């Protein structure tokens, strides 16, 4: 067996072994994060975890296959070991980057789960729009280029808090030195 063939065999065996080891570690450790992200839905967490590990395998084994070719002449054991160490070093860097990429995905999923849809808003909303209500105008002349509607002297009441909604709050609380009208800033 020539040094080049030995180097290829060692490269493939070590690279595939490292890829399998890191993927199994991600499979075991990632499940805990995903069960938390999906609020205890074990089946969904296992499914997403499996898909992430399959993608991890495909990317890493694809890189191992693409990096198999040696660009230098390998005539003796010394150059074979040097080429092998360079290739394994690159594989380890790619595995590390993929590992941290998966951790980033897990943390983003968890953060989105904690602070995303379904989380209470940071402040109480001023009003709730229903589909039959017209949308508020955009900008000083509205979305259609028409003048904004006249100021309504009757304040709307928030059904959740019983407080007035919108710019009338500032006028009713007697704020001085601020613009009064339909675009006055609401008071929270």
N, C-alpha and C. Protein backbone atom coordinates (compact mmCIF):
# COMPACT_ATOMS: atom_id res chain seq x y z
N UNK A 1 0.86 -1.17 0.00
CA UNK A 1 0.00 0.00 0.00
C UNK A 1 0.91 1.24 0.00
N UNK A 2 0.64 2.17 -0.88
CA UNK A 2 1.43 3.40 -0.98
C UNK A 2 1.06 4.36 0.14
N UNK A 3 1.93 5.31 0.47
CA UNK A 3 1.60 6.29 1.52
C UNK A 3 0.34 7.09 1.19
N UNK A 4 0.12 7.36 -0.08
CA UNK A 4 -1.06 8.14 -0.48
C UNK A 4 -2.35 7.37 -0.19
N UNK A 5 -2.39 6.10 -0.49
CA UNK A 5 -3.58 5.29 -0.21
C UNK A 5 -3.81 5.17 1.29
N UNK A 6 -2.74 4.99 2.05
CA UNK A 6 -2.86 4.94 3.50
C UNK A 6 -3.39 6.24 4.08
N UNK A 7 -2.89 7.36 3.51
CA UNK A 7 -3.37 8.65 3.98
C UNK A 7 -4.85 8.84 3.66
N UNK A 8 -5.28 8.45 2.47
CA UNK A 8 -6.69 8.54 2.11
C UNK A 8 -7.56 7.70 3.05
N UNK A 9 -7.12 6.48 3.34
CA UNK A 9 -7.89 5.59 4.21
C UNK A 9 -8.00 6.18 5.62
N UNK A 10 -6.87 6.67 6.15
CA UNK A 10 -6.89 7.27 7.49
C UNK A 10 -7.76 8.52 7.52
N UNK A 11 -7.67 9.33 6.47
CA UNK A 11 -8.48 10.56 6.40
C UNK A 11 -9.97 10.25 6.40
N UNK A 12 -10.38 9.31 5.59
CA UNK A 12 -11.80 8.96 5.51
C UNK A 12 -12.28 8.36 6.83
N UNK A 13 -11.53 7.44 7.40
CA UNK A 13 -11.94 6.80 8.66
C UNK A 13 -12.04 7.80 9.81
N UNK A 14 -11.02 8.62 9.97
CA UNK A 14 -11.04 9.59 11.07
C UNK A 14 -12.10 10.65 10.84
N UNK A 15 -12.24 11.15 9.63
CA UNK A 15 -13.22 12.20 9.35
C UNK A 15 -14.65 11.70 9.56
N UNK A 16 -14.95 10.53 9.06
CA UNK A 16 -16.30 9.97 9.23
C UNK A 16 -16.55 9.67 10.71
N UNK A 17 -15.55 9.13 11.40
CA UNK A 17 -15.70 8.86 12.83
C UNK A 17 -15.97 10.12 13.63
N UNK A 18 -15.22 11.19 13.35
CA UNK A 18 -15.45 12.46 14.05
C UNK A 18 -16.83 13.03 13.71
N UNK A 19 -17.24 12.95 12.47
CA UNK A 19 -18.55 13.46 12.07
C UNK A 19 -19.66 12.71 12.79
N UNK A 20 -19.55 11.39 12.87
CA UNK A 20 -20.57 10.59 13.56
C UNK A 20 -20.59 10.93 15.05
N UNK A 21 -19.43 11.09 15.66
CA UNK A 21 -19.36 11.40 17.09
C UNK A 21 -20.01 12.76 17.39
N UNK A 22 -19.68 13.79 16.59
CA UNK A 22 -20.26 15.12 16.82
C UNK A 22 -21.77 15.10 16.55
N UNK A 23 -22.19 14.38 15.52
CA UNK A 23 -23.62 14.32 15.20
C UNK A 23 -24.40 13.64 16.32
N UNK A 24 -23.86 12.56 16.90
CA UNK A 24 -24.55 11.90 18.02
C UNK A 24 -24.61 12.81 19.24
N UNK A 25 -23.55 13.56 19.46
CA UNK A 25 -23.56 14.51 20.58
C UNK A 25 -24.64 15.56 20.36
N UNK A 26 -24.75 16.07 19.14
CA UNK A 26 -25.80 17.05 18.84
C UNK A 26 -27.19 16.43 18.97
N UNK A 27 -27.32 15.18 18.57
CA UNK A 27 -28.62 14.51 18.64
C UNK A 27 -29.09 14.39 20.09
N UNK A 28 -28.17 14.01 20.98
CA UNK A 28 -28.53 13.85 22.39
C UNK A 28 -28.75 15.20 23.07
N UNK A 29 -27.80 16.11 22.89
CA UNK A 29 -27.90 17.41 23.56
C UNK A 29 -28.94 18.33 22.97
N UNK A 30 -29.14 18.26 21.66
CA UNK A 30 -30.10 19.14 21.01
C UNK A 30 -31.54 18.82 21.34
N UNK A 31 -31.81 17.58 21.68
CA UNK A 31 -33.18 17.18 22.00
C UNK A 31 -33.72 17.97 23.19
N UNK A 32 -32.89 18.18 24.20
CA UNK A 32 -33.32 18.91 25.40
C UNK A 32 -33.75 20.32 25.03
N UNK A 33 -32.96 21.00 24.21
CA UNK A 33 -33.30 22.35 23.79
C UNK A 33 -34.61 22.36 22.98
N UNK A 34 -34.73 21.42 22.07
CA UNK A 34 -35.90 21.43 21.20
C UNK A 34 -37.18 21.05 21.94
N UNK A 35 -37.10 20.17 22.93
CA UNK A 35 -38.29 19.87 23.73
C UNK A 35 -38.74 21.13 24.46
N UNK A 36 -37.79 21.92 24.94
CA UNK A 36 -38.14 23.18 25.60
C UNK A 36 -38.72 24.17 24.60
N UNK A 37 -38.15 24.25 23.42
CA UNK A 37 -38.62 25.17 22.39
C UNK A 37 -40.05 24.84 21.98
N UNK A 38 -40.34 23.55 21.83
CA UNK A 38 -41.66 23.13 21.36
C UNK A 38 -42.59 22.79 22.52
N UNK A 39 -42.31 23.35 23.68
CA UNK A 39 -43.20 23.28 24.86
C UNK A 39 -43.61 21.86 25.20
N UNK A 40 -42.64 20.96 25.25
CA UNK A 40 -42.89 19.59 25.67
C UNK A 40 -43.40 18.66 24.59
N UNK A 41 -43.51 19.11 23.37
CA UNK A 41 -43.96 18.26 22.27
C UNK A 41 -42.78 17.39 21.82
N UNK A 42 -42.64 16.21 22.44
CA UNK A 42 -41.49 15.34 22.19
C UNK A 42 -41.41 14.89 20.74
N UNK A 43 -42.54 14.58 20.15
CA UNK A 43 -42.53 14.07 18.78
C UNK A 43 -42.01 15.11 17.80
N UNK A 44 -42.46 16.35 17.94
CA UNK A 44 -41.99 17.42 17.06
C UNK A 44 -40.52 17.72 17.32
N UNK A 45 -40.11 17.74 18.58
CA UNK A 45 -38.71 18.00 18.92
C UNK A 45 -37.80 16.93 18.33
N UNK A 46 -38.20 15.66 18.45
CA UNK A 46 -37.38 14.58 17.89
C UNK A 46 -37.30 14.68 16.37
N UNK A 47 -38.40 15.04 15.74
CA UNK A 47 -38.42 15.15 14.28
C UNK A 47 -37.49 16.27 13.81
N UNK A 48 -37.59 17.45 14.42
CA UNK A 48 -36.73 18.57 14.03
C UNK A 48 -35.26 18.24 14.34
N UNK A 49 -35.02 17.61 15.48
CA UNK A 49 -33.66 17.24 15.85
C UNK A 49 -33.06 16.28 14.82
N UNK A 50 -33.85 15.31 14.39
CA UNK A 50 -33.39 14.35 13.39
C UNK A 50 -33.07 15.05 12.06
N UNK A 51 -33.93 15.98 11.66
CA UNK A 51 -33.69 16.71 10.41
C UNK A 51 -32.41 17.55 10.49
N UNK A 52 -32.17 18.19 11.64
CA UNK A 52 -30.95 18.97 11.80
C UNK A 52 -29.71 18.07 11.74
N UNK A 53 -29.79 16.89 12.34
CA UNK A 53 -28.64 15.97 12.32
C UNK A 53 -28.40 15.44 10.90
N UNK A 54 -29.46 15.16 10.16
CA UNK A 54 -29.29 14.71 8.77
C UNK A 54 -28.60 15.80 7.95
N UNK A 55 -29.03 17.03 8.12
CA UNK A 55 -28.37 18.14 7.42
C UNK A 55 -26.91 18.28 7.83
N UNK A 56 -26.62 18.08 9.11
CA UNK A 56 -25.25 18.12 9.61
C UNK A 56 -24.40 17.05 8.92
N UNK A 57 -24.93 15.82 8.85
CA UNK A 57 -24.23 14.73 8.17
C UNK A 57 -23.96 15.07 6.70
N UNK A 58 -24.98 15.54 6.02
CA UNK A 58 -24.84 15.82 4.58
C UNK A 58 -23.77 16.89 4.32
N UNK A 59 -23.80 17.95 5.08
CA UNK A 59 -22.83 19.03 4.85
C UNK A 59 -21.41 18.56 5.19
N UNK A 60 -21.24 17.91 6.33
CA UNK A 60 -19.89 17.51 6.73
C UNK A 60 -19.33 16.39 5.87
N UNK A 61 -20.13 15.39 5.58
CA UNK A 61 -19.61 14.30 4.74
C UNK A 61 -19.38 14.78 3.31
N UNK A 62 -20.18 15.73 2.85
CA UNK A 62 -19.92 16.33 1.54
C UNK A 62 -18.60 17.08 1.52
N UNK A 63 -18.31 17.80 2.60
CA UNK A 63 -17.02 18.50 2.68
C UNK A 63 -15.86 17.49 2.72
N UNK A 64 -16.02 16.43 3.51
CA UNK A 64 -14.97 15.41 3.59
C UNK A 64 -14.71 14.82 2.20
N UNK A 65 -15.75 14.54 1.45
CA UNK A 65 -15.58 13.98 0.12
C UNK A 65 -14.92 14.97 -0.84
N UNK A 66 -15.30 16.24 -0.77
CA UNK A 66 -14.71 17.24 -1.65
C UNK A 66 -13.25 17.52 -1.31
N UNK A 67 -12.90 17.42 -0.04
CA UNK A 67 -11.53 17.72 0.38
C UNK A 67 -10.62 16.49 0.31
N UNK A 68 -11.07 15.41 -0.25
CA UNK A 68 -10.27 14.18 -0.29
C UNK A 68 -9.03 14.32 -1.17
N UNK A 69 -9.13 15.02 -2.25
CA UNK A 69 -8.01 15.12 -3.18
C UNK A 69 -6.86 15.90 -2.56
N UNK A 70 -5.65 15.40 -2.78
CA UNK A 70 -4.44 16.04 -2.27
C UNK A 70 -3.79 16.81 -3.41
N UNK A 71 -3.40 18.04 -3.15
CA UNK A 71 -2.83 18.87 -4.20
C UNK A 71 -1.31 18.74 -4.28
N UNK A 72 -0.68 18.14 -3.26
CA UNK A 72 0.77 17.99 -3.28
C UNK A 72 1.14 16.54 -3.60
N UNK A 73 2.36 16.35 -4.01
CA UNK A 73 2.86 15.01 -4.32
C UNK A 73 3.19 14.30 -3.01
N UNK A 74 2.61 13.11 -2.79
CA UNK A 74 2.86 12.33 -1.58
C UNK A 74 3.69 11.12 -1.97
N UNK A 75 5.00 11.17 -1.59
CA UNK A 75 5.91 10.09 -1.95
C UNK A 75 6.35 9.28 -0.75
N UNK A 76 6.32 9.88 0.43
CA UNK A 76 6.80 9.17 1.61
C UNK A 76 5.83 9.38 2.76
N UNK A 77 6.12 8.73 3.88
CA UNK A 77 5.24 8.77 5.04
C UNK A 77 5.15 10.17 5.65
N UNK A 78 6.24 10.92 5.60
CA UNK A 78 6.24 12.26 6.19
C UNK A 78 5.25 13.18 5.48
N UNK A 79 5.31 13.24 4.18
CA UNK A 79 4.36 14.10 3.46
C UNK A 79 2.93 13.58 3.59
N UNK A 80 2.76 12.26 3.72
CA UNK A 80 1.41 11.71 3.91
C UNK A 80 0.84 12.16 5.25
N UNK A 81 1.65 12.12 6.31
CA UNK A 81 1.19 12.55 7.63
C UNK A 81 0.91 14.06 7.63
N UNK A 82 1.74 14.83 6.96
CA UNK A 82 1.51 16.29 6.89
C UNK A 82 0.22 16.60 6.14
N UNK A 83 0.00 15.93 5.03
CA UNK A 83 -1.23 16.16 4.26
C UNK A 83 -2.45 15.71 5.06
N UNK A 84 -2.31 14.57 5.76
CA UNK A 84 -3.41 14.07 6.59
C UNK A 84 -3.74 15.05 7.71
N UNK A 85 -2.72 15.59 8.38
CA UNK A 85 -2.99 16.51 9.48
C UNK A 85 -3.65 17.80 8.98
N UNK A 86 -3.24 18.27 7.80
CA UNK A 86 -3.88 19.47 7.24
C UNK A 86 -5.35 19.20 6.93
N UNK A 87 -5.62 18.07 6.33
CA UNK A 87 -7.01 17.74 5.98
C UNK A 87 -7.85 17.51 7.22
N UNK A 88 -7.31 16.81 8.21
CA UNK A 88 -8.09 16.58 9.44
C UNK A 88 -8.30 17.87 10.21
N UNK A 89 -7.32 18.76 10.18
CA UNK A 89 -7.49 20.06 10.82
C UNK A 89 -8.63 20.85 10.19
N UNK A 90 -8.71 20.81 8.87
CA UNK A 90 -9.81 21.50 8.19
C UNK A 90 -11.16 20.85 8.51
N UNK A 91 -11.17 19.52 8.56
CA UNK A 91 -12.42 18.83 8.92
C UNK A 91 -12.85 19.21 10.33
N UNK A 92 -11.89 19.27 11.27
CA UNK A 92 -12.23 19.66 12.64
C UNK A 92 -12.76 21.08 12.70
N UNK A 93 -12.17 21.99 11.93
CA UNK A 93 -12.68 23.37 11.90
C UNK A 93 -14.10 23.42 11.34
N UNK A 94 -14.35 22.66 10.28
CA UNK A 94 -15.70 22.64 9.71
C UNK A 94 -16.68 22.03 10.70
N UNK A 95 -16.29 20.93 11.37
CA UNK A 95 -17.17 20.32 12.38
C UNK A 95 -17.45 21.29 13.52
N UNK A 96 -16.44 22.00 13.96
CA UNK A 96 -16.64 22.98 15.02
C UNK A 96 -17.57 24.11 14.59
N UNK A 97 -17.37 24.60 13.37
CA UNK A 97 -18.25 25.66 12.86
C UNK A 97 -19.68 25.16 12.74
N UNK A 98 -19.86 23.94 12.26
CA UNK A 98 -21.21 23.38 12.14
C UNK A 98 -21.83 23.16 13.53
N UNK A 99 -21.02 22.73 14.48
CA UNK A 99 -21.52 22.53 15.83
C UNK A 99 -22.02 23.85 16.42
N UNK A 100 -21.22 24.90 16.30
CA UNK A 100 -21.65 26.19 16.81
C UNK A 100 -22.82 26.76 15.99
N UNK A 101 -22.87 26.43 14.71
CA UNK A 101 -24.04 26.83 13.90
C UNK A 101 -25.31 26.17 14.41
N UNK A 102 -25.23 24.89 14.75
CA UNK A 102 -26.41 24.21 15.32
C UNK A 102 -26.78 24.80 16.67
N UNK A 103 -25.79 25.10 17.50
CA UNK A 103 -26.09 25.72 18.79
C UNK A 103 -26.77 27.08 18.60
N UNK A 104 -26.33 27.82 17.60
CA UNK A 104 -26.95 29.12 17.30
C UNK A 104 -28.41 28.93 16.89
N UNK A 105 -28.66 27.93 16.04
CA UNK A 105 -30.03 27.65 15.62
C UNK A 105 -30.88 27.27 16.83
N UNK A 106 -30.35 26.41 17.70
CA UNK A 106 -31.10 26.02 18.90
C UNK A 106 -31.40 27.22 19.78
N UNK A 107 -30.41 28.09 19.98
CA UNK A 107 -30.64 29.25 20.85
C UNK A 107 -31.65 30.21 20.23
N UNK A 108 -31.60 30.41 18.90
CA UNK A 108 -32.58 31.28 18.25
C UNK A 108 -34.00 30.70 18.35
N UNK A 109 -34.11 29.38 18.17
CA UNK A 109 -35.42 28.75 18.30
C UNK A 109 -35.94 28.91 19.72
N UNK A 110 -35.08 28.72 20.69
CA UNK A 110 -35.50 28.84 22.09
C UNK A 110 -35.88 30.28 22.42
N UNK A 111 -35.07 31.24 21.95
CA UNK A 111 -35.38 32.65 22.21
C UNK A 111 -36.70 33.04 21.57
N UNK A 112 -36.91 32.57 20.34
CA UNK A 112 -38.16 32.87 19.65
C UNK A 112 -39.35 32.26 20.39
N UNK A 113 -39.14 31.08 20.95
CA UNK A 113 -40.20 30.42 21.69
C UNK A 113 -40.52 31.19 22.97
N UNK A 114 -39.49 31.69 23.64
CA UNK A 114 -39.70 32.41 24.90
C UNK A 114 -40.29 33.80 24.69
N UNK A 115 -39.82 34.51 23.66
CA UNK A 115 -40.23 35.90 23.47
C UNK A 115 -41.06 36.14 22.23
N UNK A 116 -41.38 35.10 21.53
CA UNK A 116 -42.05 35.28 20.24
C UNK A 116 -43.55 35.28 20.36
N UNK A 117 -44.16 34.63 19.40
CA UNK A 117 -45.61 34.60 19.31
C UNK A 117 -46.18 33.93 20.55
N UNK A 118 -47.21 34.51 21.09
CA UNK A 118 -47.84 33.95 22.28
C UNK A 118 -47.35 34.59 23.56
N UNK A 119 -46.25 35.31 23.51
CA UNK A 119 -45.76 35.98 24.70
C UNK A 119 -46.58 37.25 24.92
N UNK A 120 -46.75 37.66 26.16
CA UNK A 120 -47.50 38.89 26.39
C UNK A 120 -46.74 40.09 25.85
N UNK A 121 -47.45 41.11 25.38
CA UNK A 121 -46.76 42.28 24.85
C UNK A 121 -46.03 43.01 25.96
N UNK A 122 -44.97 43.76 25.64
CA UNK A 122 -44.21 44.45 26.67
C UNK A 122 -45.00 45.56 27.35
N UNK A 123 -45.97 46.15 26.64
CA UNK A 123 -46.86 47.15 27.22
C UNK A 123 -48.27 46.84 26.77
N UNK A 124 -49.23 47.38 27.49
CA UNK A 124 -50.62 47.15 27.14
C UNK A 124 -50.96 47.90 25.86
N UNK A 125 -51.62 47.26 24.90
CA UNK A 125 -51.95 47.95 23.65
C UNK A 125 -52.96 49.06 23.87
N UNK A 126 -52.90 50.07 22.99
CA UNK A 126 -53.84 51.19 23.07
C UNK A 126 -55.23 50.78 22.61
N UNK A 127 -55.28 50.00 21.53
CA UNK A 127 -56.56 49.57 21.00
C UNK A 127 -56.36 48.32 20.16
N UNK A 128 -57.45 47.65 19.92
CA UNK A 128 -57.43 46.45 19.09
C UNK A 128 -58.23 46.72 17.83
N UNK A 129 -57.64 46.45 16.68
CA UNK A 129 -58.34 46.65 15.42
C UNK A 129 -59.05 45.37 15.03
N UNK A 130 -60.24 45.50 14.54
CA UNK A 130 -60.97 44.36 14.01
C UNK A 130 -60.98 44.49 12.50
N UNK A 131 -61.24 43.40 11.78
CA UNK A 131 -61.19 43.48 10.31
C UNK A 131 -62.15 44.50 9.71
N UNK A 132 -63.27 44.83 10.37
CA UNK A 132 -64.21 45.77 9.79
C UNK A 132 -63.84 47.22 10.07
N UNK A 133 -62.85 47.48 10.94
CA UNK A 133 -62.43 48.85 11.21
C UNK A 133 -61.47 49.32 10.13
N UNK A 134 -61.56 50.58 9.71
CA UNK A 134 -60.60 51.08 8.73
C UNK A 134 -59.22 51.21 9.38
N UNK A 135 -58.19 51.03 8.56
CA UNK A 135 -56.82 51.17 9.04
C UNK A 135 -56.52 52.64 9.28
N UNK A 136 -55.67 52.96 10.26
CA UNK A 136 -55.32 54.35 10.50
C UNK A 136 -54.51 54.90 9.33
N UNK A 137 -54.58 56.22 9.08
CA UNK A 137 -53.85 56.81 7.96
C UNK A 137 -52.34 56.70 8.19
N UNK A 138 -51.60 56.66 7.09
CA UNK A 138 -50.15 56.61 7.16
C UNK A 138 -49.60 57.97 6.78
N UNK A 139 -48.77 58.52 7.62
CA UNK A 139 -48.13 59.79 7.32
C UNK A 139 -49.08 60.95 7.50
N UNK A 140 -48.63 62.16 7.21
CA UNK A 140 -49.46 63.35 7.45
C UNK A 140 -50.67 63.46 6.54
N UNK A 141 -50.63 62.85 5.37
CA UNK A 141 -51.78 62.95 4.47
C UNK A 141 -52.47 61.62 4.26
N UNK A 142 -52.06 60.59 4.97
CA UNK A 142 -52.71 59.29 4.84
C UNK A 142 -52.15 58.51 3.66
N UNK A 143 -52.54 57.25 3.56
CA UNK A 143 -52.02 56.37 2.51
C UNK A 143 -52.53 56.76 1.13
N UNK A 144 -53.69 57.40 1.06
CA UNK A 144 -54.29 57.71 -0.25
C UNK A 144 -54.03 59.14 -0.69
N UNK A 145 -53.30 59.93 0.10
CA UNK A 145 -53.05 61.32 -0.26
C UNK A 145 -54.14 62.26 0.20
N UNK A 146 -55.15 61.75 0.91
CA UNK A 146 -56.23 62.60 1.40
C UNK A 146 -55.83 63.19 2.75
N UNK A 147 -56.54 64.21 3.14
CA UNK A 147 -56.29 64.83 4.44
C UNK A 147 -56.71 63.87 5.55
N UNK A 148 -56.03 63.93 6.69
CA UNK A 148 -56.40 63.04 7.79
C UNK A 148 -57.77 63.38 8.34
N UNK A 149 -58.42 62.43 9.00
CA UNK A 149 -59.74 62.70 9.55
C UNK A 149 -59.66 63.74 10.66
N UNK A 150 -60.79 64.42 10.85
CA UNK A 150 -60.87 65.44 11.90
C UNK A 150 -60.79 64.78 13.27
N UNK A 151 -60.33 65.56 14.24
CA UNK A 151 -60.20 65.09 15.61
C UNK A 151 -61.57 64.74 16.19
N UNK A 152 -61.70 63.55 16.73
CA UNK A 152 -62.95 63.09 17.33
C UNK A 152 -62.96 63.48 18.81
N UNK A 153 -63.88 64.32 19.24
CA UNK A 153 -63.88 64.76 20.64
C UNK A 153 -64.28 63.64 21.62
N UNK A 154 -64.95 62.59 21.14
CA UNK A 154 -65.35 61.50 22.02
C UNK A 154 -64.20 60.49 22.11
N UNK A 155 -63.61 60.30 23.28
CA UNK A 155 -62.51 59.34 23.39
C UNK A 155 -63.02 57.90 23.29
N UNK A 156 -62.21 57.05 22.66
CA UNK A 156 -62.50 55.63 22.65
C UNK A 156 -62.00 55.05 23.97
N UNK A 157 -62.68 54.03 24.45
CA UNK A 157 -62.32 53.41 25.72
C UNK A 157 -61.74 52.02 25.45
N UNK A 158 -60.59 51.73 26.05
CA UNK A 158 -59.98 50.41 25.95
C UNK A 158 -60.82 49.44 26.77
N UNK A 159 -61.35 48.36 26.14
CA UNK A 159 -62.21 47.44 26.89
C UNK A 159 -61.45 46.66 27.96
N UNK A 160 -60.14 46.51 27.82
CA UNK A 160 -59.38 45.77 28.81
C UNK A 160 -59.09 46.57 30.07
N UNK A 161 -58.76 47.87 29.89
CA UNK A 161 -58.36 48.67 31.05
C UNK A 161 -59.41 49.70 31.45
N UNK A 162 -60.35 50.03 30.57
CA UNK A 162 -61.33 51.05 30.87
C UNK A 162 -60.78 52.46 30.73
N UNK A 163 -59.54 52.59 30.26
CA UNK A 163 -58.92 53.91 30.09
C UNK A 163 -59.16 54.42 28.69
N UNK A 164 -59.08 55.75 28.48
CA UNK A 164 -59.21 56.32 27.14
C UNK A 164 -58.07 55.82 26.25
N UNK A 165 -58.35 55.73 24.94
CA UNK A 165 -57.39 55.23 23.97
C UNK A 165 -56.92 56.38 23.11
N UNK A 166 -55.60 56.39 22.81
CA UNK A 166 -55.06 57.27 21.80
C UNK A 166 -54.71 58.65 22.29
N UNK A 167 -54.72 59.64 21.37
CA UNK A 167 -54.20 60.96 21.67
C UNK A 167 -55.05 61.72 22.68
N UNK A 168 -56.29 61.31 22.89
CA UNK A 168 -57.12 62.01 23.85
C UNK A 168 -56.57 61.86 25.26
N UNK A 169 -55.79 60.83 25.51
CA UNK A 169 -55.23 60.64 26.84
C UNK A 169 -54.41 61.85 27.26
N UNK A 170 -53.54 62.32 26.36
CA UNK A 170 -52.69 63.45 26.69
C UNK A 170 -53.51 64.69 26.98
N UNK A 171 -54.58 64.91 26.20
CA UNK A 171 -55.40 66.10 26.40
C UNK A 171 -56.16 65.99 27.72
N UNK A 172 -56.67 64.79 28.03
CA UNK A 172 -57.45 64.64 29.25
C UNK A 172 -56.59 64.71 30.50
N UNK A 173 -55.32 64.33 30.39
CA UNK A 173 -54.46 64.36 31.57
C UNK A 173 -53.78 65.71 31.71
N UNK A 174 -54.08 66.66 30.81
CA UNK A 174 -53.58 68.01 30.95
C UNK A 174 -52.08 68.14 30.69
N UNK A 175 -51.56 67.39 29.76
CA UNK A 175 -50.14 67.53 29.44
C UNK A 175 -49.92 68.87 28.79
N UNK A 176 -48.94 69.58 29.25
CA UNK A 176 -48.67 70.89 28.69
C UNK A 176 -47.40 70.83 27.85
N UNK A 177 -47.34 71.67 26.83
CA UNK A 177 -46.16 71.76 25.99
C UNK A 177 -46.06 70.67 24.94
N UNK A 178 -47.11 69.88 24.76
CA UNK A 178 -47.09 68.86 23.72
C UNK A 178 -48.17 69.17 22.71
N UNK A 179 -48.03 68.62 21.53
CA UNK A 179 -49.01 68.83 20.47
C UNK A 179 -50.32 68.15 20.85
N UNK A 180 -51.40 68.85 20.70
CA UNK A 180 -52.71 68.28 20.95
C UNK A 180 -53.36 68.03 19.60
N UNK A 181 -53.95 66.90 19.41
CA UNK A 181 -54.58 66.60 18.15
C UNK A 181 -54.50 65.11 17.86
N UNK A 182 -54.85 64.76 16.63
CA UNK A 182 -54.92 63.32 16.33
C UNK A 182 -53.58 62.61 16.35
N UNK A 183 -52.42 63.32 16.33
CA UNK A 183 -51.13 62.64 16.33
C UNK A 183 -50.35 62.86 17.61
N UNK A 184 -51.00 63.30 18.65
CA UNK A 184 -50.29 63.48 19.92
C UNK A 184 -49.89 62.13 20.47
N UNK A 185 -48.77 62.08 21.13
CA UNK A 185 -48.25 60.80 21.65
C UNK A 185 -49.12 60.31 22.80
N UNK A 186 -49.48 59.02 22.80
CA UNK A 186 -50.26 58.50 23.91
C UNK A 186 -49.43 58.38 25.17
N UNK A 187 -50.09 58.44 26.30
CA UNK A 187 -49.43 58.31 27.60
C UNK A 187 -49.68 56.91 28.11
N UNK A 188 -48.64 56.22 28.54
CA UNK A 188 -48.77 54.86 29.04
C UNK A 188 -48.70 54.84 30.54
